[in-house]
């Protein structure tokens, strides 16, 4: 479970589909960022997605994650 998906109480199918797509996109960004950090030697072992989510509360880390996922870094 990621992003408290079981706590979402919505009846609109479009909202549910869009929310699910955004969650999958965010997780894909985190996966790519996690591999990039490990591959560049900035982390000795692969971090958990939960740790990366918390790390991205910092705007600088969040921008680095997005830039990495888009191939800009």
PDB file of N, CA and C in Angstrom:
ATOM      1  N   UNK A   1       0.850  -1.180   0.000  1.00  0.00           N
ATOM      2  CA  UNK A   1       0.000   0.000   0.000  1.00  0.00           C
ATOM      3  C   UNK A   1       0.891   1.236   0.000  1.00  0.00           C
ATOM      4  N   UNK A   2       0.623   2.122  -0.882  1.00  0.00           N
ATOM      5  CA  UNK A   2       1.351   3.377  -0.979  1.00  0.00           C
ATOM      6  C   UNK A   2       0.348   4.512  -1.013  1.00  0.00           C
ATOM      7  N   UNK A   3       0.730   5.633  -0.459  1.00  0.00           N
ATOM      8  CA  UNK A   3      -0.092   6.850  -0.496  1.00  0.00           C
ATOM      9  C   UNK A   3      -1.474   6.651   0.127  1.00  0.00           C
ATOM     10  N   UNK A   4      -1.600   5.774   1.110  1.00  0.00           N
ATOM     11  CA  UNK A   4      -2.868   5.531   1.809  1.00  0.00           C
ATOM     12  C   UNK A   4      -4.020   5.259   0.854  1.00  0.00           C
ATOM     13  N   UNK A   5      -3.793   4.415  -0.140  1.00  0.00           N
ATOM     14  CA  UNK A   5      -4.801   4.141  -1.141  1.00  0.00           C
ATOM     15  C   UNK A   5      -6.048   3.497  -0.554  1.00  0.00           C
ATOM     16  N   UNK A   6      -5.889   2.734   0.510  1.00  0.00           N
ATOM     17  CA  UNK A   6      -7.069   2.096   1.086  1.00  0.00           C
ATOM     18  C   UNK A   6      -7.948   3.094   1.847  1.00  0.00           C
ATOM     19  N   UNK A   7      -7.449   4.288   2.097  1.00  0.00           N
ATOM     20  CA  UNK A   7      -8.229   5.293   2.815  1.00  0.00           C
ATOM     21  C   UNK A   7      -8.999   6.218   1.877  1.00  0.00           C
ATOM     22  N   UNK A   8      -8.789   6.081   0.559  1.00  0.00           N
ATOM     23  CA  UNK A   8      -9.484   6.927  -0.403  1.00  0.00           C
ATOM     24  C   UNK A   8     -10.928   6.450  -0.517  1.00  0.00           C
ATOM     25  N   UNK A   9     -11.842   7.343  -0.243  1.00  0.00           N
ATOM     26  CA  UNK A   9     -13.257   7.023  -0.368  1.00  0.00           C
ATOM     27  C   UNK A   9     -13.839   7.935  -1.435  1.00  0.00           C
ATOM     28  N   UNK A  10     -13.886   7.417  -2.656  1.00  0.00           N
ATOM     29  CA  UNK A  10     -14.386   8.208  -3.772  1.00  0.00           C
ATOM     30  C   UNK A  10     -15.360   7.360  -4.577  1.00  0.00           C
ATOM     31  N   UNK A  11     -16.333   8.016  -5.157  1.00  0.00           N
ATOM     32  CA  UNK A  11     -17.329   7.321  -5.963  1.00  0.00           C
ATOM     33  C   UNK A  11     -17.173   7.604  -7.445  1.00  0.00           C
ATOM     34  N   UNK A  12     -16.433   8.637  -7.794  1.00  0.00           N
ATOM     35  CA  UNK A  12     -16.267   9.027  -9.179  1.00  0.00           C
ATOM     36  C   UNK A  12     -15.195   8.158  -9.838  1.00  0.00           C
ATOM     37  N   UNK A  13     -15.576   7.341 -10.839  1.00  0.00           N
ATOM     38  CA  UNK A  13     -14.590   6.442 -11.452  1.00  0.00           C
ATOM     39  C   UNK A  13     -13.451   7.184 -12.163  1.00  0.00           C
ATOM     40  N   UNK A  14     -13.724   8.361 -12.705  1.00  0.00           N
ATOM     41  CA  UNK A  14     -12.659   9.128 -13.361  1.00  0.00           C
ATOM     42  C   UNK A  14     -11.624   9.595 -12.342  1.00  0.00           C
ATOM     43  N   UNK A  15     -12.096  10.041 -11.188  1.00  0.00           N
ATOM     44  CA  UNK A  15     -11.178  10.470 -10.135  1.00  0.00           C
ATOM     45  C   UNK A  15     -10.308   9.306  -9.680  1.00  0.00           C
ATOM     46  N   UNK A  16     -10.914   8.155  -9.490  1.00  0.00           N
ATOM     47  CA  UNK A  16     -10.176   6.979  -9.022  1.00  0.00           C
ATOM     48  C   UNK A  16      -9.130   6.568 -10.046  1.00  0.00           C
ATOM     49  N   UNK A  17      -9.494   6.563 -11.323  1.00  0.00           N
ATOM     50  CA  UNK A  17      -8.549   6.178 -12.384  1.00  0.00           C
ATOM     51  C   UNK A  17      -7.399   7.177 -12.473  1.00  0.00           C
ATOM     52  N   UNK A  18      -7.709   8.469 -12.411  1.00  0.00           N
ATOM     53  CA  UNK A  18      -6.661   9.488 -12.484  1.00  0.00           C
ATOM     54  C   UNK A  18      -5.744   9.441 -11.277  1.00  0.00           C
ATOM     55  N   UNK A  19      -6.315   9.248 -10.099  1.00  0.00           N
ATOM     56  CA  UNK A  19      -5.513   9.164  -8.876  1.00  0.00           C
ATOM     57  C   UNK A  19      -4.584   7.956  -8.925  1.00  0.00           C
ATOM     58  N   UNK A  20      -5.098   6.853  -9.413  1.00  0.00           N
ATOM     59  CA  UNK A  20      -4.281   5.650  -9.535  1.00  0.00           C
ATOM     60  C   UNK A  20      -3.141   5.865 -10.526  1.00  0.00           C
ATOM     61  N   UNK A  21      -3.429   6.517 -11.648  1.00  0.00           N
ATOM     62  CA  UNK A  21      -2.393   6.783 -12.643  1.00  0.00           C
ATOM     63  C   UNK A  21      -1.305   7.695 -12.074  1.00  0.00           C
ATOM     64  N   UNK A  22      -1.706   8.721 -11.323  1.00  0.00           N
ATOM     65  CA  UNK A  22      -0.719   9.626 -10.718  1.00  0.00           C
ATOM     66  C   UNK A  22       0.135   8.909  -9.679  1.00  0.00           C
ATOM     67  N   UNK A  23      -0.483   8.016  -8.904  1.00  0.00           N
ATOM     68  CA  UNK A  23       0.275   7.247  -7.912  1.00  0.00           C
ATOM     69  C   UNK A  23       1.304   6.355  -8.593  1.00  0.00           C
ATOM     70  N   UNK A  24       0.905   5.710  -9.692  1.00  0.00           N
ATOM     71  CA  UNK A  24       1.830   4.842 -10.418  1.00  0.00           C
ATOM     72  C   UNK A  24       2.976   5.650 -11.019  1.00  0.00           C
ATOM     73  N   UNK A  25       2.676   6.828 -11.514  1.00  0.00           N
ATOM     74  CA  UNK A  25       3.715   7.696 -12.066  1.00  0.00           C
ATOM     75  C   UNK A  25       4.707   8.111 -10.979  1.00  0.00           C
ATOM     76  N   UNK A  26       4.191   8.497  -9.823  1.00  0.00           N
ATOM     77  CA  UNK A  26       5.064   8.903  -8.714  1.00  0.00           C
ATOM     78  C   UNK A  26       5.954   7.739  -8.267  1.00  0.00           C
ATOM     79  N   UNK A  27       5.397   6.533  -8.204  1.00  0.00           N
ATOM     80  CA  UNK A  27       6.199   5.377  -7.804  1.00  0.00           C
ATOM     81  C   UNK A  27       7.256   5.047  -8.858  1.00  0.00           C
ATOM     82  N   UNK A  28       6.928   5.224 -10.125  1.00  0.00           N
ATOM     83  CA  UNK A  28       7.914   4.990 -11.185  1.00  0.00           C
ATOM     84  C   UNK A  28       9.056   6.001 -11.073  1.00  0.00           C
ATOM     85  N   UNK A  29       8.736   7.263 -10.779  1.00  0.00           N
ATOM     86  CA  UNK A  29       9.772   8.283 -10.579  1.00  0.00           C
ATOM     87  C   UNK A  29      10.678   7.896  -9.419  1.00  0.00           C
ATOM     88  N   UNK A  30      10.085   7.446  -8.312  1.00  0.00           N
ATOM     89  CA  UNK A  30      10.881   7.065  -7.147  1.00  0.00           C
ATOM     90  C   UNK A  30      11.768   5.862  -7.444  1.00  0.00           C
ATOM     91  N   UNK A  31      11.243   4.897  -8.197  1.00  0.00           N
ATOM     92  CA  UNK A  31      12.043   3.722  -8.559  1.00  0.00           C
ATOM     93  C   UNK A  31      13.255   4.124  -9.389  1.00  0.00           C
ATOM     94  N   UNK A  32      13.035   4.983 -10.362  1.00  0.00           N
ATOM     95  CA  UNK A  32      14.142   5.420 -11.216  1.00  0.00           C
ATOM     96  C   UNK A  32      15.156   6.236 -10.410  1.00  0.00           C
ATOM     97  N   UNK A  33      14.682   7.079  -9.522  1.00  0.00           N
ATOM     98  CA  UNK A  33      15.558   7.887  -8.672  1.00  0.00           C
ATOM     99  C   UNK A  33      16.365   6.994  -7.737  1.00  0.00           C
ATOM    100  N   UNK A  34      15.721   5.976  -7.181  1.00  0.00           N
ATOM    101  CA  UNK A  34      16.413   5.060  -6.278  1.00  0.00           C
ATOM    102  C   UNK A  34      17.547   4.353  -7.012  1.00  0.00           C
ATOM    103  N   UNK A  35      17.281   3.871  -8.212  1.00  0.00           N
ATOM    104  CA  UNK A  35      18.336   3.200  -8.980  1.00  0.00           C
ATOM    105  C   UNK A  35      19.444   4.184  -9.353  1.00  0.00           C
ATOM    106  N   UNK A  36      19.084   5.398  -9.724  1.00  0.00           N
ATOM    107  CA  UNK A  36      20.074   6.406 -10.090  1.00  0.00           C
ATOM    108  C   UNK A  36      21.002   6.711  -8.913  1.00  0.00           C
ATOM    109  N   UNK A  37      20.430   6.877  -7.723  1.00  0.00           N
ATOM    110  CA  UNK A  37      21.251   7.149  -6.537  1.00  0.00           C
ATOM    111  C   UNK A  37      22.238   6.018  -6.284  1.00  0.00           C
ATOM    112  N   UNK A  38      21.758   4.786  -6.382  1.00  0.00           N
ATOM    113  CA  UNK A  38      22.596   3.627  -6.133  1.00  0.00           C
ATOM    114  C   UNK A  38      23.651   3.483  -7.213  1.00  0.00           C
ATOM    115  N   UNK A  39      23.270   3.686  -8.471  1.00  0.00           N
ATOM    116  CA  UNK A  39      24.178   3.520  -9.593  1.00  0.00           C
ATOM    117  C   UNK A  39      25.290   4.572  -9.595  1.00  0.00           C
ATOM    118  N   UNK A  40      24.977   5.795  -9.175  1.00  0.00           N
ATOM    119  CA  UNK A  40      25.976   6.870  -9.126  1.00  0.00           C
ATOM    120  C   UNK A  40      26.857   6.789  -7.886  1.00  0.00           C
ATOM    121  N   UNK A  41      26.576   5.870  -6.983  1.00  0.00           N
ATOM    122  CA  UNK A  41      27.383   5.710  -5.784  1.00  0.00           C
ATOM    123  C   UNK A  41      27.039   6.688  -4.678  1.00  0.00           C
ATOM    124  N   UNK A  42      25.917   7.371  -4.800  1.00  0.00           N
ATOM    125  CA  UNK A  42      25.526   8.323  -3.759  1.00  0.00           C
ATOM    126  C   UNK A  42      24.907   7.612  -2.561  1.00  0.00           C
ATOM    127  N   UNK A  43      24.450   6.393  -2.762  1.00  0.00           N
ATOM    128  CA  UNK A  43      23.949   5.549  -1.675  1.00  0.00           C
ATOM    129  C   UNK A  43      24.613   4.189  -1.813  1.00  0.00           C
ATOM    130  N   UNK A  44      25.041   3.609  -0.680  1.00  0.00           N
ATOM    131  CA  UNK A  44      25.744   2.337  -0.724  1.00  0.00           C
ATOM    132  C   UNK A  44      24.814   1.170  -1.008  1.00  0.00           C
ATOM    133  N   UNK A  45      23.579   1.275  -0.596  1.00  0.00           N
ATOM    134  CA  UNK A  45      22.594   0.234  -0.893  1.00  0.00           C
ATOM    135  C   UNK A  45      21.298   0.908  -1.317  1.00  0.00           C
ATOM    136  N   UNK A  46      20.467   0.149  -1.992  1.00  0.00           N
ATOM    137  CA  UNK A  46      19.214   0.717  -2.482  1.00  0.00           C
ATOM    138  C   UNK A  46      18.309   1.067  -1.309  1.00  0.00           C
ATOM    139  N   UNK A  47      17.792   2.271  -1.313  1.00  0.00           N
ATOM    140  CA  UNK A  47      16.914   2.742  -0.253  1.00  0.00           C
ATOM    141  C   UNK A  47      15.498   2.227  -0.477  1.00  0.00           C
ATOM    142  N   UNK A  48      14.726   2.157   0.594  1.00  0.00           N
ATOM    143  CA  UNK A  48      13.331   1.767   0.446  1.00  0.00           C
ATOM    144  C   UNK A  48      12.543   2.933  -0.137  1.00  0.00           C
ATOM    145  N   UNK A  49      11.430   2.623  -0.758  1.00  0.00           N
ATOM    146  CA  UNK A  49      10.583   3.668  -1.328  1.00  0.00           C
ATOM    147  C   UNK A  49      10.012   4.567  -0.241  1.00  0.00           C
ATOM    148  N   UNK A  50       9.766   4.007   0.923  1.00  0.00           N
ATOM    149  CA  UNK A  50       9.247   4.795   2.041  1.00  0.00           C
ATOM    150  C   UNK A  50      10.254   5.868   2.460  1.00  0.00           C
ATOM    151  N   UNK A  51      11.508   5.509   2.528  1.00  0.00           N
ATOM    152  CA  UNK A  51      12.556   6.474   2.878  1.00  0.00           C
ATOM    153  C   UNK A  51      12.657   7.549   1.802  1.00  0.00           C
ATOM    154  N   UNK A  52      12.582   7.148   0.536  1.00  0.00           N
ATOM    155  CA  UNK A  52      12.651   8.124  -0.547  1.00  0.00           C
ATOM    156  C   UNK A  52      11.457   9.068  -0.540  1.00  0.00           C
ATOM    157  N   UNK A  53      10.269   8.551  -0.219  1.00  0.00           N
ATOM    158  CA  UNK A  53       9.098   9.421  -0.123  1.00  0.00           C
ATOM    159  C   UNK A  53       9.329  10.495   0.929  1.00  0.00           C
ATOM    160  N   UNK A  54       9.858  10.098   2.071  1.00  0.00           N
ATOM    161  CA  UNK A  54      10.118  11.057   3.140  1.00  0.00           C
ATOM    162  C   UNK A  54      11.228  12.030   2.750  1.00  0.00           C
ATOM    163  N   UNK A  55      12.236  11.541   2.029  1.00  0.00           N
ATOM    164  CA  UNK A  55      13.328  12.406   1.599  1.00  0.00           C
ATOM    165  C   UNK A  55      12.828  13.473   0.623  1.00  0.00           C
ATOM    166  N   UNK A  56      11.830  13.130  -0.178  1.00  0.00           N
ATOM    167  CA  UNK A  56      11.317  14.066  -1.185  1.00  0.00           C
ATOM    168  C   UNK A  56      10.408  15.137  -0.580  1.00  0.00           C
ATOM    169  N   UNK A  57      10.222  15.137   0.733  1.00  0.00           N
ATOM    170  CA  UNK A  57       9.535  16.268   1.374  1.00  0.00           C
ATOM    171  C   UNK A  57      10.376  17.535   1.220  1.00  0.00           C
ATOM    172  N   UNK A  58      11.697  17.336   1.115  1.00  0.00           N
ATOM    173  CA  UNK A  58      12.607  18.453   0.881  1.00  0.00           C
ATOM    174  C   UNK A  58      12.494  18.854  -0.594  1.00  0.00           C
ATOM    175  N   UNK A  59      12.172  20.111  -0.884  1.00  0.00           N
ATOM    176  CA  UNK A  59      11.982  20.522  -2.286  1.00  0.00           C
ATOM    177  C   UNK A  59      13.196  20.263  -3.182  1.00  0.00           C
ATOM    178  N   UNK A  60      14.388  20.415  -2.646  1.00  0.00           N
ATOM    179  CA  UNK A  60      15.594  20.186  -3.447  1.00  0.00           C
ATOM    180  C   UNK A  60      15.690  18.716  -3.862  1.00  0.00           C
ATOM    181  N   UNK A  61      15.416  17.812  -2.934  1.00  0.00           N
ATOM    182  CA  UNK A  61      15.456  16.384  -3.249  1.00  0.00           C
ATOM    183  C   UNK A  61      14.331  16.007  -4.208  1.00  0.00           C
ATOM    184  N   UNK A  62      13.166  16.624  -4.045  1.00  0.00           N
ATOM    185  CA  UNK A  62      12.038  16.337  -4.937  1.00  0.00           C
ATOM    186  C   UNK A  62      12.360  16.775  -6.364  1.00  0.00           C
ATOM    187  N   UNK A  63      12.968  17.938  -6.521  1.00  0.00           N
ATOM    188  CA  UNK A  63      13.346  18.406  -7.855  1.00  0.00           C
ATOM    189  C   UNK A  63      14.425  17.517  -8.467  1.00  0.00           C
ATOM    190  N   UNK A  64      15.349  17.058  -7.646  1.00  0.00           N
ATOM    191  CA  UNK A  64      16.377  16.154  -8.139  1.00  0.00           C
ATOM    192  C   UNK A  64      15.750  14.839  -8.599  1.00  0.00           C
ATOM    193  N   UNK A  65      14.774  14.350  -7.868  1.00  0.00           N
ATOM    194  CA  UNK A  65      14.068  13.129  -8.224  1.00  0.00           C
ATOM    195  C   UNK A  65      13.358  13.293  -9.564  1.00  0.00           C
ATOM    196  N   UNK A  66      12.667  14.398  -9.745  1.00  0.00           N
ATOM    197  CA  UNK A  66      11.947  14.653 -10.992  1.00  0.00           C
ATOM    198  C   UNK A  66      12.921  14.800 -12.154  1.00  0.00           C
ATOM    199  N   UNK A  67      13.991  15.555 -11.935  1.00  0.00           N
ATOM    200  CA  UNK A  67      14.992  15.751 -12.989  1.00  0.00           C
ATOM    201  C   UNK A  67      15.650  14.430 -13.384  1.00  0.00           C
ATOM    202  N   UNK A  68      15.945  13.611 -12.409  1.00  0.00           N
ATOM    203  CA  UNK A  68      16.538  12.320 -12.684  1.00  0.00           C
ATOM    204  C   UNK A  68      15.582  11.439 -13.470  1.00  0.00           C
ATOM    205  N   UNK A  69      14.324  11.440 -13.083  1.00  0.00           N
ATOM    206  CA  UNK A  69      13.334  10.594 -13.742  1.00  0.00           C
ATOM    207  C   UNK A  69      13.069  11.030 -15.172  1.00  0.00           C
ATOM    208  N   UNK A  70      13.240  12.312 -15.446  1.00  0.00           N
ATOM    209  CA  UNK A  70      13.037  12.825 -16.805  1.00  0.00           C
ATOM    210  C   UNK A  70      14.311  12.768 -17.638  1.00  0.00           C
ATOM    211  N   UNK A  71      15.411  12.303 -17.027  1.00  0.00           N
ATOM    212  CA  UNK A  71      16.667  12.164 -17.744  1.00  0.00           C
ATOM    213  C   UNK A  71      17.437  13.457 -17.897  1.00  0.00           C
ATOM    214  N   UNK A  72      17.168  14.423 -17.055  1.00  0.00           N
ATOM    215  CA  UNK A  72      17.836  15.716 -17.137  1.00  0.00           C
ATOM    216  C   UNK A  72      19.130  15.768 -16.350  1.00  0.00           C
ATOM    217  N   UNK A  73      19.355  14.798 -15.485  1.00  0.00           N
ATOM    218  CA  UNK A  73      20.559  14.775 -14.651  1.00  0.00           C
ATOM    219  C   UNK A  73      21.415  13.599 -15.055  1.00  0.00           C
TER     220      UNK A  73
END
